[in-house]
Amino acid sequence: MNPAAPIRMASPEADERMGWWTIYYPSFFSPNGWIATLMGLNSFALALRILQRSYFVWHMYGWEHAVPRMIVGNFINAMAAARAWRLFIVHLVTGKRLVWDKTMHDFASTDQLTQQRQRLGELLLSWQAICVFRQT
């Protein structure tokens, strides 16, 4: 296949009749070069990651969560990266120190833990991780 060949929706005659742009530029990358191989391996790894993540989310949370969780997770990651870049650029421009944002955690006291202590089976039942089968 010619690397400079365009992706055609129809025949060349139909392209001209429809007024499609018929000027084509050669590719920057050779079709059998190491970059094409690397991009192919990267695409395979991405597809494998999507498949694995969808499979395990589907089995833990149900089929309706598989794709939305991936989209929301990617959105949160992109927003966190944008915030990090903004803080870094402000640091470069103004010299303002970079500060680690500490997450606040509430830990239960020993008294609270002893009041709510459950056996493992009761805890797993409350999480609906297991179900009770009664033999008669």
N, C-alpha and C. Protein backbone atom coordinates (compact mmCIF):
# COMPACT_ATOMS: atom_id res chain seq x y z
N MET A 1 0.85 -1.18 0.00
CA MET A 1 0.00 0.00 0.00
C MET A 1 0.89 1.24 0.00
N ASN A 2 0.54 2.19 -0.76
CA ASN A 2 1.29 3.43 -0.88
C ASN A 2 1.05 4.28 0.37
N PRO A 3 2.13 4.68 1.10
CA PRO A 3 1.91 5.46 2.32
C PRO A 3 1.31 6.83 2.06
N ALA A 4 1.45 7.33 0.86
CA ALA A 4 0.89 8.65 0.56
C ALA A 4 -0.54 8.55 0.04
N ALA A 5 -1.07 7.33 -0.07
CA ALA A 5 -2.42 7.16 -0.59
C ALA A 5 -3.43 7.67 0.42
N PRO A 6 -4.47 8.35 -0.04
CA PRO A 6 -5.47 8.88 0.89
C PRO A 6 -6.45 7.79 1.32
N ILE A 7 -7.18 8.08 2.36
CA ILE A 7 -8.29 7.21 2.75
C ILE A 7 -9.47 7.65 1.92
N ARG A 8 -10.01 6.76 1.15
CA ARG A 8 -11.08 7.12 0.21
C ARG A 8 -12.42 6.67 0.74
N MET A 9 -13.39 7.56 0.62
CA MET A 9 -14.76 7.23 0.96
C MET A 9 -15.48 6.68 -0.26
N ALA A 10 -15.04 7.06 -1.42
CA ALA A 10 -15.68 6.63 -2.66
C ALA A 10 -14.57 6.53 -3.72
N SER A 11 -14.96 6.43 -4.94
CA SER A 11 -13.99 6.35 -6.03
C SER A 11 -13.35 7.72 -6.27
N PRO A 12 -12.19 7.79 -6.99
CA PRO A 12 -11.58 9.10 -7.27
C PRO A 12 -12.50 10.04 -8.04
N GLU A 13 -13.31 9.47 -8.94
CA GLU A 13 -14.24 10.30 -9.71
C GLU A 13 -15.31 10.91 -8.80
N ALA A 14 -15.79 10.10 -7.86
CA ALA A 14 -16.81 10.61 -6.93
C ALA A 14 -16.21 11.68 -6.02
N ASP A 15 -14.94 11.50 -5.63
CA ASP A 15 -14.26 12.51 -4.81
C ASP A 15 -14.24 13.86 -5.53
N GLU A 16 -13.89 13.83 -6.81
CA GLU A 16 -13.82 15.08 -7.58
C GLU A 16 -15.19 15.71 -7.75
N ARG A 17 -16.20 14.87 -8.00
CA ARG A 17 -17.56 15.40 -8.18
C ARG A 17 -18.10 16.01 -6.89
N MET A 18 -17.73 15.43 -5.74
CA MET A 18 -18.22 15.90 -4.46
C MET A 18 -17.41 17.08 -3.94
N GLY A 19 -16.31 17.40 -4.61
CA GLY A 19 -15.50 18.54 -4.20
C GLY A 19 -14.55 18.22 -3.07
N TRP A 20 -14.22 16.95 -2.89
CA TRP A 20 -13.29 16.56 -1.83
C TRP A 20 -11.90 17.04 -2.19
N TRP A 21 -11.10 17.25 -1.19
CA TRP A 21 -9.74 17.69 -1.38
C TRP A 21 -8.92 16.55 -1.96
N THR A 22 -8.27 16.78 -3.06
CA THR A 22 -7.56 15.70 -3.74
C THR A 22 -6.05 15.90 -3.74
N ILE A 23 -5.52 16.74 -2.86
CA ILE A 23 -4.08 16.92 -2.74
C ILE A 23 -3.60 16.03 -1.59
N TYR A 24 -2.59 15.24 -1.84
CA TYR A 24 -2.12 14.28 -0.85
C TYR A 24 -0.65 14.53 -0.53
N TYR A 25 -0.31 14.39 0.74
CA TYR A 25 1.06 14.58 1.19
C TYR A 25 1.62 13.24 1.67
N PRO A 26 2.91 13.02 1.48
CA PRO A 26 3.49 11.77 1.95
C PRO A 26 3.56 11.73 3.48
N SER A 27 3.61 10.53 4.00
CA SER A 27 3.68 10.35 5.45
C SER A 27 5.07 10.70 5.96
N PHE A 28 5.13 11.18 7.20
CA PHE A 28 6.41 11.45 7.83
C PHE A 28 7.13 10.16 8.23
N PHE A 29 6.37 9.10 8.43
CA PHE A 29 6.91 7.84 8.94
C PHE A 29 6.88 6.78 7.85
N SER A 30 7.92 6.00 7.78
CA SER A 30 7.92 4.90 6.82
C SER A 30 6.96 3.82 7.31
N PRO A 31 6.25 3.16 6.42
CA PRO A 31 5.21 2.21 6.85
C PRO A 31 5.77 0.98 7.55
N ASN A 32 7.03 0.63 7.33
CA ASN A 32 7.61 -0.55 7.97
C ASN A 32 8.72 -0.19 8.94
N GLY A 33 8.74 1.04 9.43
CA GLY A 33 9.79 1.49 10.34
C GLY A 33 9.53 1.08 11.77
N TRP A 34 10.48 1.40 12.62
CA TRP A 34 10.36 1.02 14.03
C TRP A 34 9.27 1.79 14.75
N ILE A 35 8.96 3.00 14.28
CA ILE A 35 7.89 3.77 14.93
C ILE A 35 6.54 3.11 14.67
N ALA A 36 6.33 2.62 13.45
CA ALA A 36 5.07 1.93 13.14
C ALA A 36 4.93 0.66 13.99
N THR A 37 6.03 -0.06 14.17
CA THR A 37 6.02 -1.26 15.01
C THR A 37 5.71 -0.91 16.46
N LEU A 38 6.37 0.14 16.95
CA LEU A 38 6.14 0.58 18.32
C LEU A 38 4.69 1.02 18.52
N MET A 39 4.13 1.75 17.55
CA MET A 39 2.73 2.18 17.66
C MET A 39 1.78 0.99 17.63
N GLY A 40 2.12 -0.02 16.83
CA GLY A 40 1.30 -1.23 16.81
C GLY A 40 1.32 -1.97 18.14
N LEU A 41 2.51 -2.10 18.73
CA LEU A 41 2.62 -2.76 20.04
C LEU A 41 1.91 -1.95 21.12
N ASN A 42 2.02 -0.63 21.05
CA ASN A 42 1.34 0.23 22.01
C ASN A 42 -0.18 0.12 21.87
N SER A 43 -0.66 0.06 20.65
CA SER A 43 -2.11 -0.11 20.42
C SER A 43 -2.60 -1.44 20.96
N PHE A 44 -1.80 -2.49 20.76
CA PHE A 44 -2.16 -3.81 21.29
C PHE A 44 -2.21 -3.78 22.81
N ALA A 45 -1.22 -3.14 23.46
CA ALA A 45 -1.21 -3.06 24.92
C ALA A 45 -2.41 -2.26 25.43
N LEU A 46 -2.78 -1.18 24.73
CA LEU A 46 -3.95 -0.39 25.12
C LEU A 46 -5.23 -1.21 25.01
N ALA A 47 -5.37 -1.94 23.91
CA ALA A 47 -6.56 -2.77 23.73
C ALA A 47 -6.64 -3.85 24.81
N LEU A 48 -5.49 -4.44 25.15
CA LEU A 48 -5.46 -5.45 26.20
C LEU A 48 -5.85 -4.85 27.54
N ARG A 49 -5.37 -3.65 27.85
CA ARG A 49 -5.71 -2.98 29.11
C ARG A 49 -7.20 -2.66 29.17
N ILE A 50 -7.75 -2.18 28.08
CA ILE A 50 -9.19 -1.88 28.05
C ILE A 50 -10.00 -3.14 28.25
N LEU A 51 -9.60 -4.22 27.59
CA LEU A 51 -10.30 -5.50 27.72
C LEU A 51 -10.24 -6.01 29.16
N GLN A 52 -9.06 -6.01 29.76
CA GLN A 52 -8.91 -6.50 31.12
C GLN A 52 -9.69 -5.64 32.11
N ARG A 53 -9.57 -4.33 31.98
CA ARG A 53 -10.27 -3.45 32.91
C ARG A 53 -11.78 -3.60 32.79
N SER A 54 -12.28 -3.68 31.58
CA SER A 54 -13.72 -3.87 31.37
C SER A 54 -14.18 -5.19 31.96
N TYR A 55 -13.40 -6.24 31.76
CA TYR A 55 -13.77 -7.57 32.26
C TYR A 55 -13.88 -7.57 33.78
N PHE A 56 -12.86 -7.04 34.46
CA PHE A 56 -12.86 -7.10 35.92
C PHE A 56 -13.88 -6.14 36.53
N VAL A 57 -14.06 -4.97 35.96
CA VAL A 57 -15.10 -4.05 36.46
C VAL A 57 -16.47 -4.66 36.24
N TRP A 58 -16.66 -5.31 35.09
CA TRP A 58 -17.94 -5.96 34.80
C TRP A 58 -18.26 -7.03 35.83
N HIS A 59 -17.25 -7.81 36.22
CA HIS A 59 -17.49 -8.87 37.19
C HIS A 59 -17.67 -8.35 38.61
N MET A 60 -17.07 -7.20 38.93
CA MET A 60 -17.22 -6.67 40.30
C MET A 60 -18.45 -5.79 40.45
N TYR A 61 -18.74 -4.94 39.44
CA TYR A 61 -19.80 -3.94 39.60
C TYR A 61 -20.95 -4.09 38.61
N GLY A 62 -20.82 -4.97 37.64
CA GLY A 62 -21.88 -5.14 36.66
C GLY A 62 -21.50 -4.51 35.33
N TRP A 63 -22.15 -4.95 34.27
CA TRP A 63 -21.80 -4.51 32.91
C TRP A 63 -22.03 -3.03 32.70
N GLU A 64 -23.00 -2.45 33.42
CA GLU A 64 -23.33 -1.05 33.19
C GLU A 64 -22.28 -0.08 33.74
N HIS A 65 -21.32 -0.58 34.52
CA HIS A 65 -20.29 0.29 35.08
C HIS A 65 -18.98 0.24 34.30
N ALA A 66 -18.80 -0.72 33.42
CA ALA A 66 -17.49 -0.94 32.79
C ALA A 66 -17.00 0.28 32.01
N VAL A 67 -17.78 0.77 31.08
CA VAL A 67 -17.34 1.89 30.25
C VAL A 67 -17.41 3.23 31.00
N PRO A 68 -18.52 3.53 31.73
CA PRO A 68 -18.55 4.82 32.44
C PRO A 68 -17.43 4.99 33.45
N ARG A 69 -17.02 3.93 34.15
CA ARG A 69 -15.93 4.06 35.12
C ARG A 69 -14.63 4.43 34.42
N MET A 70 -14.41 3.88 33.23
CA MET A 70 -13.19 4.18 32.50
C MET A 70 -13.21 5.64 32.03
N ILE A 71 -14.34 6.10 31.55
CA ILE A 71 -14.45 7.48 31.06
C ILE A 71 -14.28 8.47 32.21
N VAL A 72 -14.97 8.23 33.32
CA VAL A 72 -14.87 9.13 34.47
C VAL A 72 -13.45 9.10 35.05
N GLY A 73 -12.84 7.93 35.13
CA GLY A 73 -11.48 7.83 35.63
C GLY A 73 -10.49 8.57 34.76
N ASN A 74 -10.63 8.47 33.45
CA ASN A 74 -9.75 9.21 32.54
C ASN A 74 -9.97 10.72 32.66
N PHE A 75 -11.21 11.14 32.85
CA PHE A 75 -11.51 12.57 33.02
C PHE A 75 -10.87 13.10 34.30
N ILE A 76 -11.00 12.35 35.40
CA ILE A 76 -10.40 12.77 36.67
C ILE A 76 -8.89 12.85 36.53
N ASN A 77 -8.29 11.87 35.87
CA ASN A 77 -6.84 11.86 35.67
C ASN A 77 -6.41 13.07 34.84
N ALA A 78 -7.15 13.39 33.79
CA ALA A 78 -6.80 14.54 32.94
C ALA A 78 -6.90 15.84 33.72
N MET A 79 -7.93 15.98 34.55
CA MET A 79 -8.08 17.20 35.35
C MET A 79 -6.96 17.31 36.39
N ALA A 80 -6.56 16.18 36.99
CA ALA A 80 -5.46 16.21 37.96
C ALA A 80 -4.15 16.58 37.28
N ALA A 81 -3.93 16.07 36.07
CA ALA A 81 -2.70 16.41 35.33
C ALA A 81 -2.70 17.89 34.95
N ALA A 82 -3.86 18.42 34.54
CA ALA A 82 -3.95 19.84 34.20
C ALA A 82 -3.68 20.71 35.42
N ARG A 83 -4.20 20.32 36.56
CA ARG A 83 -3.95 21.08 37.79
C ARG A 83 -2.47 21.02 38.16
N ALA A 84 -1.86 19.86 38.03
CA ALA A 84 -0.43 19.73 38.34
C ALA A 84 0.41 20.62 37.42
N TRP A 85 0.08 20.64 36.13
CA TRP A 85 0.81 21.50 35.19
C TRP A 85 0.62 22.98 35.55
N ARG A 86 -0.60 23.35 35.93
CA ARG A 86 -0.86 24.74 36.30
C ARG A 86 -0.03 25.13 37.51
N LEU A 87 -0.01 24.27 38.53
CA LEU A 87 0.78 24.57 39.72
C LEU A 87 2.27 24.67 39.39
N PHE A 88 2.74 23.79 38.51
CA PHE A 88 4.15 23.80 38.15
C PHE A 88 4.51 25.06 37.36
N ILE A 89 3.66 25.46 36.43
CA ILE A 89 3.93 26.66 35.63
C ILE A 89 3.89 27.91 36.52
N VAL A 90 2.95 27.96 37.46
CA VAL A 90 2.91 29.08 38.40
C VAL A 90 4.19 29.10 39.22
N HIS A 91 4.68 27.94 39.60
CA HIS A 91 5.95 27.85 40.33
C HIS A 91 7.10 28.39 39.49
N LEU A 92 7.13 28.04 38.21
CA LEU A 92 8.22 28.52 37.35
C LEU A 92 8.16 30.03 37.15
N VAL A 93 6.95 30.57 36.99
CA VAL A 93 6.79 31.99 36.68
C VAL A 93 6.98 32.85 37.93
N THR A 94 6.32 32.48 39.01
CA THR A 94 6.32 33.33 40.20
C THR A 94 7.28 32.88 41.28
N GLY A 95 7.76 31.66 41.22
CA GLY A 95 8.63 31.14 42.26
C GLY A 95 7.89 30.64 43.48
N LYS A 96 6.56 30.57 43.40
CA LYS A 96 5.75 30.08 44.52
C LYS A 96 6.11 28.61 44.78
N ARG A 97 6.30 28.29 46.05
CA ARG A 97 6.72 26.92 46.39
C ARG A 97 5.63 25.91 46.07
N LEU A 98 6.06 24.73 45.63
CA LEU A 98 5.14 23.62 45.43
C LEU A 98 4.88 22.95 46.76
N VAL A 99 3.61 22.73 47.10
CA VAL A 99 3.24 22.14 48.38
C VAL A 99 2.41 20.90 48.12
N TRP A 100 2.72 19.85 48.86
CA TRP A 100 1.97 18.60 48.73
C TRP A 100 0.61 18.77 49.38
N ASP A 101 -0.46 18.42 48.65
CA ASP A 101 -1.81 18.48 49.20
C ASP A 101 -2.07 17.20 49.99
N LYS A 102 -2.18 17.33 51.29
CA LYS A 102 -2.40 16.17 52.14
C LYS A 102 -3.89 15.87 52.20
N THR A 103 -4.23 14.62 52.00
CA THR A 103 -5.62 14.18 52.09
C THR A 103 -5.98 14.00 53.55
N MET A 104 -7.12 14.55 53.94
CA MET A 104 -7.57 14.40 55.33
C MET A 104 -8.24 13.05 55.50
N HIS A 105 -7.88 12.36 56.58
CA HIS A 105 -8.46 11.06 56.89
C HIS A 105 -9.03 11.11 58.30
N ASP A 106 -10.15 10.44 58.49
CA ASP A 106 -10.73 10.29 59.82
C ASP A 106 -10.55 8.83 60.23
N PHE A 107 -9.77 8.61 61.27
CA PHE A 107 -9.54 7.26 61.75
C PHE A 107 -10.38 7.04 63.00
N ALA A 108 -10.96 5.86 63.07
CA ALA A 108 -11.79 5.52 64.23
C ALA A 108 -10.91 5.30 65.45
N SER A 109 -11.43 5.69 66.62
CA SER A 109 -10.69 5.48 67.86
C SER A 109 -10.82 4.01 68.28
N THR A 110 -10.05 3.61 69.27
CA THR A 110 -10.10 2.23 69.76
C THR A 110 -11.47 1.92 70.34
N ASP A 111 -12.06 2.88 71.04
CA ASP A 111 -13.41 2.67 71.61
C ASP A 111 -14.44 2.44 70.51
N GLN A 112 -14.36 3.22 69.44
CA GLN A 112 -15.31 3.05 68.35
C GLN A 112 -15.12 1.70 67.67
N LEU A 113 -13.89 1.27 67.54
CA LEU A 113 -13.64 -0.02 66.90
C LEU A 113 -14.16 -1.19 67.73
N THR A 114 -14.02 -1.12 69.05
CA THR A 114 -14.49 -2.22 69.89
C THR A 114 -16.01 -2.26 69.96
N GLN A 115 -16.67 -1.10 69.83
CA GLN A 115 -18.13 -1.07 69.85
C GLN A 115 -18.72 -1.68 68.58
N GLN A 116 -18.06 -1.53 67.47
CA GLN A 116 -18.61 -1.99 66.19
C GLN A 116 -17.91 -3.24 65.69
N ARG A 117 -17.22 -3.96 66.54
CA ARG A 117 -16.47 -5.14 66.11
C ARG A 117 -17.43 -6.22 65.60
N GLN A 118 -17.14 -6.74 64.41
CA GLN A 118 -17.96 -7.79 63.81
C GLN A 118 -17.08 -8.98 63.48
N ARG A 119 -17.71 -10.13 63.46
CA ARG A 119 -16.98 -11.31 62.99
C ARG A 119 -16.82 -11.20 61.48
N LEU A 120 -15.85 -11.94 60.95
CA LEU A 120 -15.56 -11.87 59.53
C LEU A 120 -16.78 -12.23 58.69
N GLY A 121 -17.50 -13.27 59.06
CA GLY A 121 -18.68 -13.68 58.30
C GLY A 121 -19.75 -12.61 58.26
N GLU A 122 -19.96 -11.95 59.43
CA GLU A 122 -20.95 -10.88 59.49
C GLU A 122 -20.53 -9.69 58.63
N LEU A 123 -19.24 -9.38 58.64
CA LEU A 123 -18.73 -8.27 57.84
C LEU A 123 -18.89 -8.56 56.35
N LEU A 124 -18.55 -9.78 55.93
CA LEU A 124 -18.69 -10.14 54.52
C LEU A 124 -20.15 -10.16 54.08
N LEU A 125 -21.04 -10.59 54.97
CA LEU A 125 -22.47 -10.54 54.66
C LEU A 125 -22.96 -9.11 54.52
N SER A 126 -22.50 -8.21 55.40
CA SER A 126 -22.94 -6.81 55.31
C SER A 126 -22.43 -6.15 54.03
N TRP A 127 -21.26 -6.57 53.54
CA TRP A 127 -20.73 -6.06 52.28
C TRP A 127 -21.34 -6.77 51.08
N GLN A 128 -22.15 -7.77 51.30
CA GLN A 128 -22.75 -8.62 50.27
C GLN A 128 -21.67 -9.28 49.41
N ALA A 129 -20.55 -9.61 50.04
CA ALA A 129 -19.47 -10.31 49.35
C ALA A 129 -19.75 -11.80 49.31
N ILE A 130 -20.55 -12.28 50.27
CA ILE A 130 -20.96 -13.68 50.30
C ILE A 130 -22.45 -13.71 50.55
N CYS A 131 -23.06 -14.85 50.30
CA CYS A 131 -24.48 -15.01 50.62
C CYS A 131 -24.66 -16.26 51.45
N VAL A 132 -25.75 -16.33 52.16
CA VAL A 132 -26.00 -17.43 53.08
C VAL A 132 -26.78 -18.53 52.36
N PHE A 133 -26.26 -19.73 52.41
CA PHE A 133 -26.97 -20.90 51.90
C PHE A 133 -27.31 -21.77 53.08
N ARG A 134 -28.58 -22.03 53.28
CA ARG A 134 -29.02 -22.85 54.41
C ARG A 134 -29.35 -24.24 53.90
N GLN A 135 -28.75 -25.21 54.55
CA GLN A 135 -29.05 -26.60 54.19
C GLN A 135 -30.17 -27.10 55.07
N THR A 136 -31.12 -27.84 54.50
CA THR A 136 -32.25 -28.34 55.28
C THR A 136 -32.16 -29.83 55.40
